[in-house]
Amino acid sequence: MNRTIILALAVAALTACGQGTTKSKMENQTMREIEPTEIRENAIGLFDQEWALVTAGVPGDVNTMTISWGSLGELWNRPVVTVYVSSSRYTHAFMEKNGHFTVVFFPPECRDALQYLGSHSGRDGDKIQASGLTLEWLESGLPSFAEADMVIEARKIYGAPFDESGFGDVPEQFYARGRMGVHSVYVGEIEHVWVRGRKGE
């Protein structure tokens, strides 16, 4: 199989989510807003098994990355979503300089796109376009994706790197591998939740 055919197959796989069956299934389903307490999925399953995109920025200056670490809950009497971004990731700077971010979940057909966005850096080019997903902007001005089936809009109320002096053996072993910088914790007050074809709808 020559290189041209391999490249064509790779492009087809990445664009299937944005231009294939997922879009046709969902094109007549509009997003509906629910309360944070109406999210019915298990948070561990959402992040660890489904993955998500955390995205921050403004038109012309935006970046996203795939995450499998995160949680949903309550803090300071507010519903919150918490995500973790390594200091070595390009998205880290976007999380630092923006006061809001989104956490976006997708149907299974988008798995390849999420894999791509988690293994490529926005430093090297427009990875969102290359993934086949369709970036769009919510009424609030926050970034989202047309293929999403759940979108959480969050206002950053806490952001700081892990304090290494508090590490136990698990994080010490993780960072000793030297694969990435220490993560920062970002807690966002959930302002809106939008669903399409999810249990909470």
Protein backbone atom coordinates (compact mmCIF):
# COMPACT_ATOMS: atom_id res chain seq x y z
CA MET A 1 0.00 0.00 0.00
CA ASN A 2 1.59 3.27 -1.07
CA ARG A 3 1.95 6.39 1.04
CA THR A 4 -0.81 8.29 -0.80
CA ILE A 5 -3.39 5.58 -0.07
CA ILE A 6 -2.32 5.39 3.59
CA LEU A 7 -2.67 9.16 3.94
CA ALA A 8 -6.11 9.10 2.31
CA LEU A 9 -7.30 6.39 4.70
CA ALA A 10 -6.01 8.35 7.69
CA VAL A 11 -7.81 11.50 6.56
CA ALA A 12 -11.03 9.53 5.99
CA ALA A 13 -10.86 8.11 9.50
CA LEU A 14 -10.32 11.51 11.09
CA THR A 15 -13.12 13.22 9.17
CA ALA A 16 -15.71 10.47 9.67
CA CYS A 17 -16.94 12.07 12.88
CA GLY A 18 -17.45 15.51 11.42
CA GLN A 19 -18.75 14.55 8.00
CA GLY A 20 -20.13 11.04 8.29
CA THR A 21 -22.79 9.13 10.15
CA THR A 22 -22.57 11.10 13.38
CA LYS A 23 -23.57 14.34 11.76
CA SER A 24 -26.48 12.79 9.86
CA LYS A 25 -27.81 11.12 13.01
CA MET A 26 -27.68 14.31 15.03
CA GLU A 27 -28.44 17.03 12.51
CA ASN A 28 -32.11 17.20 13.54
CA GLN A 29 -31.37 17.10 17.27
CA THR A 30 -30.84 20.50 18.81
CA MET A 31 -28.92 21.04 22.01
CA ARG A 32 -31.03 21.45 25.14
CA GLU A 33 -29.91 23.03 28.37
CA ILE A 34 -30.10 21.05 31.61
CA GLU A 35 -29.11 21.76 35.18
CA PRO A 36 -25.72 20.43 36.35
CA THR A 37 -27.56 18.17 38.81
CA GLU A 38 -29.34 16.50 35.87
CA ILE A 39 -26.13 15.00 34.44
CA ARG A 40 -26.83 11.29 34.89
CA GLU A 41 -23.62 9.69 33.61
CA ASN A 42 -20.96 8.42 35.98
CA ALA A 43 -18.16 11.01 36.03
CA ILE A 44 -15.41 8.40 36.14
CA GLY A 45 -16.85 6.73 33.07
CA LEU A 46 -17.24 10.04 31.27
CA PHE A 47 -13.61 11.05 31.63
CA ASP A 48 -11.74 7.76 31.83
CA GLN A 49 -13.69 5.84 29.20
CA GLU A 50 -15.24 8.41 26.87
CA TRP A 51 -12.61 11.17 27.14
CA ALA A 52 -13.41 14.84 26.51
CA LEU A 53 -11.96 17.97 24.99
CA VAL A 54 -11.03 20.89 27.20
CA THR A 55 -10.96 24.06 25.12
CA ALA A 56 -10.12 27.66 25.91
CA GLY A 57 -9.63 30.80 23.87
CA VAL A 58 -11.28 33.30 21.58
CA PRO A 59 -11.81 33.35 17.80
CA GLY A 60 -8.41 33.35 16.15
CA ASP A 61 -6.63 32.30 19.35
CA VAL A 62 -8.01 29.01 20.65
CA ASN A 63 -6.69 25.56 21.48
CA THR A 64 -8.07 22.24 22.61
CA MET A 65 -6.75 18.97 23.98
CA THR A 66 -8.13 15.56 24.83
CA ILE A 67 -8.40 14.77 28.54
CA SER A 68 -9.16 11.62 30.50
CA TRP A 69 -8.61 13.18 33.92
CA GLY A 70 -11.47 15.16 35.37
CA SER A 71 -14.33 15.24 37.83
CA LEU A 72 -17.76 16.70 38.48
CA GLY A 73 -19.01 17.78 41.87
CA GLU A 74 -19.58 20.67 44.23
CA LEU A 75 -17.09 23.13 45.74
CA TRP A 76 -17.65 26.37 47.64
CA ASN A 77 -21.41 25.82 47.25
CA ARG A 78 -21.14 25.79 43.46
CA PRO A 79 -21.46 23.02 40.89
CA VAL A 80 -18.00 22.49 39.40
CA VAL A 81 -16.01 20.63 36.79
CA THR A 82 -12.34 20.02 37.49
CA VAL A 83 -9.71 19.28 34.84
CA TYR A 84 -5.96 18.77 34.89
CA VAL A 85 -3.57 20.14 32.25
CA SER A 86 0.17 19.49 32.16
CA SER A 87 2.46 22.51 32.06
CA SER A 88 4.11 20.93 29.03
CA ARG A 89 0.92 21.10 26.97
CA TYR A 90 0.23 23.98 24.58
CA THR A 91 -3.29 24.23 26.00
CA HIS A 92 -1.86 25.12 29.42
CA ALA A 93 -1.16 28.71 28.34
CA PHE A 94 -4.74 29.06 27.06
CA MET A 95 -6.13 27.83 30.37
CA GLU A 96 -3.94 30.31 32.20
CA LYS A 97 -4.91 33.40 30.22
CA ASN A 98 -8.63 32.75 29.78
CA GLY A 99 -11.29 33.05 32.49
CA HIS A 100 -13.61 30.46 30.95
CA PHE A 101 -13.26 27.05 29.34
CA THR A 102 -15.47 24.29 27.98
CA VAL A 103 -15.46 20.55 28.57
CA VAL A 104 -17.01 18.76 25.61
CA PHE A 105 -18.05 15.12 25.24
CA PHE A 106 -18.73 13.27 21.99
CA PRO A 107 -20.46 10.17 20.61
CA PRO A 108 -18.31 7.04 20.04
CA GLU A 109 -17.89 7.81 16.33
CA CYS A 110 -15.59 10.70 17.26
CA ARG A 111 -13.04 8.54 19.09
CA ASP A 112 -10.44 8.80 16.31
CA ALA A 113 -10.70 12.58 16.29
CA LEU A 114 -10.18 12.69 20.06
CA GLN A 115 -7.20 10.37 19.72
CA TYR A 116 -5.71 12.71 17.13
CA LEU A 117 -6.27 15.84 19.21
CA GLY A 118 -4.67 14.17 22.22
CA SER A 119 -1.52 13.16 20.35
CA HIS A 120 -0.84 16.32 18.31
CA SER A 121 0.09 19.82 19.44
CA GLY A 122 -1.48 23.10 18.39
CA ARG A 123 2.04 24.50 18.29
CA ASP A 124 2.58 22.62 15.04
CA GLY A 125 -0.48 23.78 13.11
CA ASP A 126 -4.28 23.83 13.05
CA LYS A 127 -4.93 20.46 14.63
CA ILE A 128 -8.64 21.19 15.09
CA GLN A 129 -9.14 21.44 11.34
CA ALA A 130 -6.96 18.37 10.78
CA SER A 131 -9.08 16.36 13.24
CA GLY A 132 -12.23 16.74 11.14
CA LEU A 133 -14.22 18.29 14.00
CA THR A 134 -16.14 21.52 13.45
CA LEU A 135 -15.23 24.35 15.82
CA GLU A 136 -18.16 26.61 16.65
CA TRP A 137 -18.83 29.43 19.08
CA LEU A 138 -21.61 29.38 21.63
CA GLU A 139 -23.85 32.35 22.38
CA SER A 140 -21.69 32.98 25.44
CA GLY A 141 -18.65 33.36 23.21
CA LEU A 142 -17.08 30.10 24.38
CA PRO A 143 -15.71 27.46 22.00
CA SER A 144 -17.52 24.21 21.28
CA PHE A 145 -17.88 21.63 18.51
CA ALA A 146 -20.79 20.88 16.21
CA GLU A 147 -20.39 17.13 16.73
CA ALA A 148 -20.67 17.32 20.54
CA ASP A 149 -23.40 15.55 22.48
CA MET A 150 -22.66 17.29 25.81
CA VAL A 151 -21.05 20.66 26.45
CA ILE A 152 -20.16 22.10 29.85
CA GLU A 153 -19.46 25.83 30.01
CA ALA A 154 -17.31 26.74 33.00
CA ARG A 155 -15.97 29.90 34.63
CA LYS A 156 -12.52 29.36 36.10
CA ILE A 157 -12.63 29.90 39.86
CA TYR A 158 -9.34 28.20 40.72
CA GLY A 159 -6.17 27.38 38.86
CA ALA A 160 -2.78 26.35 40.24
CA PRO A 161 -0.08 23.72 39.71
CA PHE A 162 0.10 20.74 42.01
CA ASP A 163 2.22 21.38 45.08
CA GLU A 164 4.87 18.69 44.79
CA SER A 165 5.58 18.82 48.52
CA GLY A 166 2.21 17.18 49.07
CA PHE A 167 2.78 14.27 46.69
CA GLY A 168 2.43 10.71 47.88
CA ASP A 169 3.98 7.72 46.14
CA VAL A 170 1.51 7.59 43.21
CA PRO A 171 2.20 11.05 41.74
CA GLU A 172 5.90 10.76 42.59
CA GLN A 173 6.12 7.60 40.50
CA PHE A 174 4.05 9.13 37.70
CA TYR A 175 6.19 12.24 37.27
CA ALA A 176 9.42 10.31 37.78
CA ARG A 177 8.83 8.84 34.33
CA GLY A 178 9.66 12.27 32.94
CA ARG A 179 7.01 12.17 30.22
CA MET A 180 5.42 15.53 31.00
CA GLY A 181 5.44 18.53 33.29
CA VAL A 182 3.53 18.69 36.55
CA HIS A 183 -0.18 19.28 36.02
CA SER A 184 -2.19 22.33 36.97
CA VAL A 185 -5.63 21.95 38.50
CA TYR A 186 -8.44 24.06 37.03
CA VAL A 187 -11.77 24.23 38.79
CA GLY A 188 -14.61 25.77 36.83
CA GLU A 189 -17.99 26.82 38.13
CA ILE A 190 -20.50 25.21 35.79
CA GLU A 191 -22.56 27.96 34.18
CA HIS A 192 -24.37 25.97 31.47
CA VAL A 193 -24.76 22.34 30.43
CA TRP A 194 -26.01 21.44 26.96
CA VAL A 195 -26.97 17.91 25.89
CA ARG A 196 -28.05 16.13 22.72
CA GLY A 197 -28.98 12.47 22.87
CA ARG A 198 -27.65 12.04 26.41
CA LYS A 199 -29.32 10.58 29.50
CA GLY A 200 -29.76 14.02 30.97
CA GLU A 201 -31.86 15.23 28.03
